[in-house]
Every structure is written in structure tokens, then in C-alpha cells.
Amino acid sequence: TLFRSAIVLCNEKHLPIGMILPMENNDLHTQRLRDQIAANLPLRKRLWAQIVAHKIKGQAANLPQDHPTRGKLFAIASEVKSGDSTNCEGVAARFYWPALMGDQFRRDPDGAWPNPLLNYGYMIFRAALARAIVAGGLHPAIGLYHSNRNNAFVLADDLVESFRPGVDRAVLNYVQSGQSKIDKNAKHAILSLLVEPITVAGQSGPLMVQ
């Protein structure tokens, strides 16, 4: 039987460290990689603007409909320019986090609870996206906005921005239930997001499959 599938090898953190590709009938992967490399700066900036706008809209949707910050975030999302040259992402964050988690909360990767659970959720989605990128025939080190010579997964860091509001919502629900540590229930709350049904291009299925 002709070997047609890509096999992705992952480390203990579930991040891709290598892959095995078929040497024949690999036109789709080759063309996708060529298109990715050929994407010029204006295109990358437009795509990044779409990601930022989608992220801010997701943040707005996490707030109650009558919350004044909700409308403000939707307005900011509509003003995102190519490459997010006016830093709408940062402006939105300053309004979003106090509205979502309370005035005392500060989003800090090294900060107090529930920052550790947010970190965990973002890490899970970053790993899932890195695997999906490689399996889809793209290279995770060729990004749109993020760039770091020591980071082989900048494209995953770009794409994960759109999924952060979903993690935020799950973490908020978990915190509001009175929990204050990362246990199996917290992990289940985050991992269950990967199997939520979504529709892409008219096809429905679990998020991690689509």
C-alpha cells in the first residue's frame, strides 16, 4: 500500500519535533509550503489584522450583553488596521481583563491565580495548533506576526490568539465555581474545548479535527 500520510513526532509536551513525509504524491504539501513561503508582508499584515480583530470580538462576546465594555471592544475590533499598527490588541486588553476578571486582576504569566490556569489553557491550544499546522503541510516556524529565532512555532503563536477568548471563558467559569487550583477537573475543563463542535467552510466537527 502506498504511504500517503504525514506522521508527526511529538515530545513529552506534545509539541512537534519532527515528521515523516511520503516521497511520492506529495504535491499538496509542496504547494502549501511554497504558498506559505511566498506570502508577502502586506498579506501577512492583513491576516494578522484579521486574527486580532477576531480575538477582540471573542473577548467582547465573553462579556454580558449589557456590559459597557462589550460594545467598546466591538468598536475597537472594527478599527484594527493592517498589521494592527495602532495596537488595538493591547488597547482592548486594558479594558477586557478588568471587565472579565475584576478590577484587581492583572494578566501576568507569572502572576497569581487564575493566571496559571490561563497559561495552561493557552499552552494546550498552542500544542494542538502546532500539530495541526505540521499535519496540514505548513511550517510552524514561518509566521505572520510573531518572530523569534529561537522559537520554532511562531505560526502557532499567531493562530492561538484567536482561541484565547475560548480559554478565558472556560477559566472564568471554572473560577466562578469556586475552584482555585489546577487539578484534573481544571484540565478537563480546558481539554474539553478541543472537542467542542464548530463549523468551518460548511463542515461541522470537533475543533481539534476541523
C-alpha atoms as a PDB file:
ATOM      1  CA  THR A   1       0.000   0.000   0.000  1.00  0.00           C
ATOM      2  CA  LEU A   2       1.325   3.430  -0.963  1.00  0.00           C
ATOM      3  CA  PHE A   3       2.214   5.523   2.081  1.00  0.00           C
ATOM      4  CA  ARG A   4       0.339   8.822   1.745  1.00  0.00           C
ATOM      5  CA  SER A   5       0.028  10.173   5.300  1.00  0.00           C
ATOM      6  CA  ALA A   6       2.283  12.502   7.258  1.00  0.00           C
ATOM      7  CA  ILE A   7       3.425  11.173  10.648  1.00  0.00           C
ATOM      8  CA  VAL A   8       4.114  13.869  13.237  1.00  0.00           C
ATOM      9  CA  LEU A   9       6.558  13.026  16.050  1.00  0.00           C
ATOM     10  CA  CYS A  10       5.938  14.888  19.337  1.00  0.00           C
ATOM     11  CA  ASN A  11       7.904  15.380  22.535  1.00  0.00           C
ATOM     12  CA  GLU A  12       6.696  14.972  26.120  1.00  0.00           C
ATOM     13  CA  LYS A  13       4.975  18.387  25.891  1.00  0.00           C
ATOM     14  CA  HIS A  14       3.064  17.245  22.791  1.00  0.00           C
ATOM     15  CA  LEU A  15       4.902  19.702  20.540  1.00  0.00           C
ATOM     16  CA  PRO A  16       6.097  18.504  17.105  1.00  0.00           C
ATOM     17  CA  ILE A  17       9.810  17.704  16.970  1.00  0.00           C
ATOM     18  CA  GLY A  18       9.854  16.015  13.570  1.00  0.00           C
ATOM     19  CA  MET A  19       7.759  14.426  10.871  1.00  0.00           C
ATOM     20  CA  ILE A  20       7.862  11.651   8.325  1.00  0.00           C
ATOM     21  CA  LEU A  21       6.578  12.580   4.872  1.00  0.00           C
ATOM     22  CA  PRO A  22       5.920  10.389   1.843  1.00  0.00           C
ATOM     23  CA  MET A  23       8.391  10.921  -1.001  1.00  0.00           C
ATOM     24  CA  GLU A  24       5.742  10.329  -3.683  1.00  0.00           C
ATOM     25  CA  ASN A  25       2.454  12.068  -4.479  1.00  0.00           C
ATOM     26  CA  ASN A  26       3.286  14.901  -2.101  1.00  0.00           C
ATOM     27  CA  ASP A  27       2.193  17.744  -4.382  1.00  0.00           C
ATOM     28  CA  LEU A  28      -0.312  19.192  -1.905  1.00  0.00           C
ATOM     29  CA  HIS A  29       2.242  19.584   0.877  1.00  0.00           C
ATOM     30  CA  THR A  30       4.805  21.058  -1.529  1.00  0.00           C
ATOM     31  CA  GLN A  31       2.371  23.623  -2.916  1.00  0.00           C
ATOM     32  CA  ARG A  32       1.151  24.672   0.526  1.00  0.00           C
ATOM     33  CA  LEU A  33       4.714  25.197   1.687  1.00  0.00           C
ATOM     34  CA  ARG A  34       5.523  27.224  -1.429  1.00  0.00           C
ATOM     35  CA  ASP A  35       2.448  29.397  -0.895  1.00  0.00           C
ATOM     36  CA  GLN A  36       3.366  29.917   2.739  1.00  0.00           C
ATOM     37  CA  ILE A  37       6.909  30.989   1.892  1.00  0.00           C
ATOM     38  CA  ALA A  38       5.676  33.233  -0.922  1.00  0.00           C
ATOM     39  CA  ALA A  39       3.226  35.178   1.280  1.00  0.00           C
ATOM     40  CA  ASN A  40       4.412  38.793   1.144  1.00  0.00           C
ATOM     41  CA  LEU A  41       4.457  41.278   4.012  1.00  0.00           C
ATOM     42  CA  PRO A  42       1.198  43.098   3.106  1.00  0.00           C
ATOM     43  CA  LEU A  43      -0.644  39.775   3.035  1.00  0.00           C
ATOM     44  CA  ARG A  44       0.823  38.703   6.363  1.00  0.00           C
ATOM     45  CA  LYS A  45      -0.180  42.037   7.884  1.00  0.00           C
ATOM     46  CA  ARG A  46      -3.748  41.699   6.614  1.00  0.00           C
ATOM     47  CA  LEU A  47      -4.010  38.184   8.002  1.00  0.00           C
ATOM     48  CA  TRP A  48      -2.646  39.317  11.355  1.00  0.00           C
ATOM     49  CA  ALA A  49      -5.225  42.117  11.463  1.00  0.00           C
ATOM     50  CA  GLN A  50      -7.974  39.544  10.893  1.00  0.00           C
ATOM     51  CA  ILE A  51      -6.647  37.415  13.759  1.00  0.00           C
ATOM     52  CA  VAL A  52      -6.502  40.410  16.127  1.00  0.00           C
ATOM     53  CA  ALA A  53      -9.998  41.569  15.188  1.00  0.00           C
ATOM     54  CA  HIS A  54     -11.359  38.047  15.694  1.00  0.00           C
ATOM     55  CA  LYS A  55      -9.650  37.799  19.080  1.00  0.00           C
ATOM     56  CA  ILE A  56     -11.101  41.111  20.288  1.00  0.00           C
ATOM     57  CA  LYS A  57     -14.589  40.132  19.096  1.00  0.00           C
ATOM     58  CA  GLY A  58     -14.204  36.891  21.037  1.00  0.00           C
ATOM     59  CA  GLN A  59     -13.218  38.865  24.119  1.00  0.00           C
ATOM     60  CA  ALA A  60     -16.272  41.085  23.713  1.00  0.00           C
ATOM     61  CA  ALA A  61     -18.516  38.034  23.387  1.00  0.00           C
ATOM     62  CA  ASN A  62     -17.256  36.773  26.760  1.00  0.00           C
ATOM     63  CA  LEU A  63     -18.859  39.751  28.499  1.00  0.00           C
ATOM     64  CA  PRO A  64     -22.569  40.112  29.355  1.00  0.00           C
ATOM     65  CA  GLN A  65     -24.593  41.845  26.664  1.00  0.00           C
ATOM     66  CA  ASP A  66     -25.364  44.779  28.942  1.00  0.00           C
ATOM     67  CA  HIS A  67     -21.740  45.316  29.998  1.00  0.00           C
ATOM     68  CA  PRO A  68     -20.469  48.699  28.742  1.00  0.00           C
ATOM     69  CA  THR A  69     -17.064  47.258  27.846  1.00  0.00           C
ATOM     70  CA  ARG A  70     -18.640  44.787  25.433  1.00  0.00           C
ATOM     71  CA  GLY A  71     -19.662  47.477  22.951  1.00  0.00           C
ATOM     72  CA  LYS A  72     -16.351  49.245  23.404  1.00  0.00           C
ATOM     73  CA  LEU A  73     -14.439  46.089  22.449  1.00  0.00           C
ATOM     74  CA  PHE A  74     -16.567  45.501  19.355  1.00  0.00           C
ATOM     75  CA  ALA A  75     -15.823  49.099  18.335  1.00  0.00           C
ATOM     76  CA  ILE A  76     -12.086  48.547  18.839  1.00  0.00           C
ATOM     77  CA  ALA A  77     -12.255  45.359  16.760  1.00  0.00           C
ATOM     78  CA  SER A  78     -13.743  47.321  13.877  1.00  0.00           C
ATOM     79  CA  GLU A  79     -10.794  49.730  13.944  1.00  0.00           C
ATOM     80  CA  VAL A  80      -7.983  47.171  13.599  1.00  0.00           C
ATOM     81  CA  LYS A  81      -5.678  48.201  10.760  1.00  0.00           C
ATOM     82  CA  SER A  82      -3.235  46.160   8.701  1.00  0.00           C
ATOM     83  CA  GLY A  83      -0.597  44.666  10.959  1.00  0.00           C
ATOM     84  CA  ASP A  84      -2.504  46.126  13.939  1.00  0.00           C
ATOM     85  CA  SER A  85      -0.368  49.209  13.547  1.00  0.00           C
ATOM     86  CA  THR A  86      -2.323  51.103  16.221  1.00  0.00           C
ATOM     87  CA  ASN A  87      -2.041  48.249  18.769  1.00  0.00           C
ATOM     88  CA  CYS A  88      -5.764  47.630  19.117  1.00  0.00           C
ATOM     89  CA  GLU A  89      -4.885  44.298  20.691  1.00  0.00           C
ATOM     90  CA  GLY A  90      -3.139  45.999  23.610  1.00  0.00           C
ATOM     91  CA  VAL A  91      -5.808  48.685  23.968  1.00  0.00           C
ATOM     92  CA  ALA A  92      -8.551  46.059  24.095  1.00  0.00           C
ATOM     93  CA  ALA A  93      -6.678  44.049  26.725  1.00  0.00           C
ATOM     94  CA  ARG A  94      -6.616  47.020  29.107  1.00  0.00           C
ATOM     95  CA  PHE A  95     -10.422  47.146  29.058  1.00  0.00           C
ATOM     96  CA  TYR A  96     -11.069  43.429  28.738  1.00  0.00           C
ATOM     97  CA  TRP A  97      -9.297  41.863  31.700  1.00  0.00           C
ATOM     98  CA  PRO A  98     -10.774  44.088  34.447  1.00  0.00           C
ATOM     99  CA  ALA A  99     -14.218  43.655  32.880  1.00  0.00           C
ATOM    100  CA  LEU A 100     -13.844  39.859  32.749  1.00  0.00           C
ATOM    101  CA  MET A 101     -11.954  39.032  35.939  1.00  0.00           C
ATOM    102  CA  GLY A 102     -12.442  42.105  38.122  1.00  0.00           C
ATOM    103  CA  ASP A 103     -10.519  45.296  38.766  1.00  0.00           C
ATOM    104  CA  GLN A 104      -7.926  43.574  40.955  1.00  0.00           C
ATOM    105  CA  PHE A 105      -6.889  41.066  38.293  1.00  0.00           C
ATOM    106  CA  ARG A 106      -3.707  41.587  36.290  1.00  0.00           C
ATOM    107  CA  ARG A 107      -2.890  39.328  33.368  1.00  0.00           C
ATOM    108  CA  ASP A 108       0.657  38.202  34.104  1.00  0.00           C
ATOM    109  CA  PRO A 109       2.128  34.820  33.065  1.00  0.00           C
ATOM    110  CA  ASP A 110       3.952  34.775  36.414  1.00  0.00           C
ATOM    111  CA  GLY A 111       1.030  36.196  38.347  1.00  0.00           C
ATOM    112  CA  ALA A 112      -1.379  34.813  40.904  1.00  0.00           C
ATOM    113  CA  TRP A 113      -4.414  32.611  40.303  1.00  0.00           C
ATOM    114  CA  PRO A 114      -6.057  32.217  37.808  1.00  0.00           C
ATOM    115  CA  ASN A 115      -3.042  33.168  35.675  1.00  0.00           C
ATOM    116  CA  PRO A 116      -1.541  29.650  35.952  1.00  0.00           C
ATOM    117  CA  LEU A 117      -4.731  28.107  34.555  1.00  0.00           C
ATOM    118  CA  LEU A 118      -4.806  30.627  31.706  1.00  0.00           C
ATOM    119  CA  ASN A 119      -1.182  29.705  30.942  1.00  0.00           C
ATOM    120  CA  TYR A 120      -2.121  26.023  30.916  1.00  0.00           C
ATOM    121  CA  GLY A 121      -5.036  26.581  28.571  1.00  0.00           C
ATOM    122  CA  TYR A 122      -3.028  28.645  26.123  1.00  0.00           C
ATOM    123  CA  MET A 123      -0.251  26.026  26.178  1.00  0.00           C
ATOM    124  CA  ILE A 124      -2.716  23.237  25.338  1.00  0.00           C
ATOM    125  CA  PHE A 125      -4.071  25.144  22.361  1.00  0.00           C
ATOM    126  CA  ARG A 126      -0.585  26.139  21.195  1.00  0.00           C
ATOM    127  CA  ALA A 127       0.470  22.488  21.153  1.00  0.00           C
ATOM    128  CA  ALA A 128      -2.708  21.415  19.348  1.00  0.00           C
ATOM    129  CA  LEU A 129      -2.253  24.136  16.744  1.00  0.00           C
ATOM    130  CA  ALA A 130       1.412  23.282  16.221  1.00  0.00           C
ATOM    131  CA  ARG A 131       0.458  19.690  15.443  1.00  0.00           C
ATOM    132  CA  ALA A 132      -2.369  20.800  13.144  1.00  0.00           C
ATOM    133  CA  ILE A 133      -0.046  23.174  11.282  1.00  0.00           C
ATOM    134  CA  VAL A 134       2.524  20.467  10.625  1.00  0.00           C
ATOM    135  CA  ALA A 135      -0.110  17.887   9.723  1.00  0.00           C
ATOM    136  CA  GLY A 136      -1.645  20.402   7.309  1.00  0.00           C
ATOM    137  CA  GLY A 137       1.559  20.689   5.313  1.00  0.00           C
ATOM    138  CA  LEU A 138       2.658  24.097   6.636  1.00  0.00           C
ATOM    139  CA  HIS A 139       5.815  25.011   8.528  1.00  0.00           C
ATOM    140  CA  PRO A 140       5.266  26.275  12.089  1.00  0.00           C
ATOM    141  CA  ALA A 141       8.450  28.407  12.035  1.00  0.00           C
ATOM    142  CA  ILE A 142       7.116  30.639   9.225  1.00  0.00           C
ATOM    143  CA  GLY A 143       4.760  33.039  10.965  1.00  0.00           C
ATOM    144  CA  LEU A 144       2.627  36.070  10.246  1.00  0.00           C
ATOM    145  CA  TYR A 145       3.471  38.412  13.122  1.00  0.00           C
ATOM    146  CA  HIS A 146       5.433  36.663  15.839  1.00  0.00           C
ATOM    147  CA  SER A 147       9.138  36.209  15.158  1.00  0.00           C
ATOM    148  CA  ASN A 148      11.842  34.760  17.334  1.00  0.00           C
ATOM    149  CA  ARG A 149      14.952  32.995  16.086  1.00  0.00           C
ATOM    150  CA  ASN A 150      14.712  30.542  18.998  1.00  0.00           C
ATOM    151  CA  ASN A 151      11.005  29.779  18.531  1.00  0.00           C
ATOM    152  CA  ALA A 152      10.127  27.066  16.025  1.00  0.00           C
ATOM    153  CA  PHE A 153       6.380  27.567  16.486  1.00  0.00           C
ATOM    154  CA  VAL A 154       5.732  31.230  15.709  1.00  0.00           C
ATOM    155  CA  LEU A 155       2.826  30.372  13.403  1.00  0.00           C
ATOM    156  CA  ALA A 156       1.155  28.531  16.282  1.00  0.00           C
ATOM    157  CA  ASP A 157       1.712  31.620  18.436  1.00  0.00           C
ATOM    158  CA  ASP A 158      -0.011  33.689  15.740  1.00  0.00           C
ATOM    159  CA  LEU A 159      -3.015  31.416  15.348  1.00  0.00           C
ATOM    160  CA  VAL A 160      -3.523  30.718  19.049  1.00  0.00           C
ATOM    161  CA  GLU A 161      -4.591  34.347  19.566  1.00  0.00           C
ATOM    162  CA  SER A 162      -7.984  33.582  18.026  1.00  0.00           C
ATOM    163  CA  PHE A 163      -8.561  30.788  20.543  1.00  0.00           C
ATOM    164  CA  ARG A 164      -7.549  32.642  23.698  1.00  0.00           C
ATOM    165  CA  PRO A 165     -11.055  34.011  24.412  1.00  0.00           C
ATOM    166  CA  GLY A 166     -12.397  30.451  24.472  1.00  0.00           C
ATOM    167  CA  VAL A 167      -9.810  29.540  27.093  1.00  0.00           C
ATOM    168  CA  ASP A 168     -10.613  32.720  29.030  1.00  0.00           C
ATOM    169  CA  ARG A 169     -14.304  31.787  29.116  1.00  0.00           C
ATOM    170  CA  ALA A 170     -13.587  28.268  30.372  1.00  0.00           C
ATOM    171  CA  VAL A 171     -11.215  29.578  33.050  1.00  0.00           C
ATOM    172  CA  LEU A 172     -13.759  32.170  34.197  1.00  0.00           C
ATOM    173  CA  ASN A 173     -16.450  29.516  34.537  1.00  0.00           C
ATOM    174  CA  TYR A 174     -14.066  27.301  36.498  1.00  0.00           C
ATOM    175  CA  VAL A 175     -13.049  30.122  38.832  1.00  0.00           C
ATOM    176  CA  GLN A 176     -16.651  31.162  39.407  1.00  0.00           C
ATOM    177  CA  SER A 177     -17.399  27.608  40.533  1.00  0.00           C
ATOM    178  CA  GLY A 178     -15.114  28.251  43.489  1.00  0.00           C
ATOM    179  CA  GLN A 179     -12.028  26.356  42.308  1.00  0.00           C
ATOM    180  CA  SER A 180      -8.526  27.704  42.899  1.00  0.00           C
ATOM    181  CA  LYS A 181      -6.041  25.112  41.653  1.00  0.00           C
ATOM    182  CA  ILE A 182      -5.119  23.137  38.566  1.00  0.00           C
ATOM    183  CA  ASP A 183      -6.458  19.651  39.160  1.00  0.00           C
ATOM    184  CA  LYS A 184      -7.995  17.006  36.919  1.00  0.00           C
ATOM    185  CA  ASN A 185     -11.264  18.933  36.817  1.00  0.00           C
ATOM    186  CA  ALA A 186      -9.483  22.085  35.640  1.00  0.00           C
ATOM    187  CA  LYS A 187      -7.613  20.130  32.989  1.00  0.00           C
ATOM    188  CA  HIS A 188     -10.844  18.508  31.835  1.00  0.00           C
ATOM    189  CA  ALA A 189     -12.489  21.927  31.525  1.00  0.00           C
ATOM    190  CA  ILE A 190      -9.693  23.076  29.211  1.00  0.00           C
ATOM    191  CA  LEU A 191      -9.248  19.879  27.210  1.00  0.00           C
ATOM    192  CA  SER A 192     -12.976  19.645  26.549  1.00  0.00           C
ATOM    193  CA  LEU A 193     -12.648  22.808  24.456  1.00  0.00           C
ATOM    194  CA  LEU A 194     -10.737  20.794  21.849  1.00  0.00           C
ATOM    195  CA  VAL A 195     -13.759  18.619  21.149  1.00  0.00           C
ATOM    196  CA  GLU A 196     -16.360  21.389  21.031  1.00  0.00           C
ATOM    197  CA  PRO A 197     -18.288  21.250  17.733  1.00  0.00           C
ATOM    198  CA  ILE A 198     -17.561  24.028  15.245  1.00  0.00           C
ATOM    199  CA  THR A 199     -18.411  24.661  11.599  1.00  0.00           C
ATOM    200  CA  VAL A 200     -15.705  25.564   9.077  1.00  0.00           C
ATOM    201  CA  ALA A 201     -16.442  26.031   5.381  1.00  0.00           C
ATOM    202  CA  GLY A 202     -19.791  24.306   5.810  1.00  0.00           C
ATOM    203  CA  GLN A 203     -18.334  21.244   7.541  1.00  0.00           C
ATOM    204  CA  SER A 204     -19.061  20.555  11.217  1.00  0.00           C
ATOM    205  CA  GLY A 205     -16.973  18.558  13.644  1.00  0.00           C
ATOM    206  CA  PRO A 206     -14.809  18.684  16.776  1.00  0.00           C
ATOM    207  CA  LEU A 207     -12.468  21.688  16.974  1.00  0.00           C
ATOM    208  CA  MET A 208      -9.303  19.570  17.075  1.00  0.00           C
ATOM    209  CA  VAL A 209     -10.363  17.795  13.864  1.00  0.00           C
ATOM    210  CA  GLN A 210     -11.536  20.824  11.902  1.00  0.00           C
END
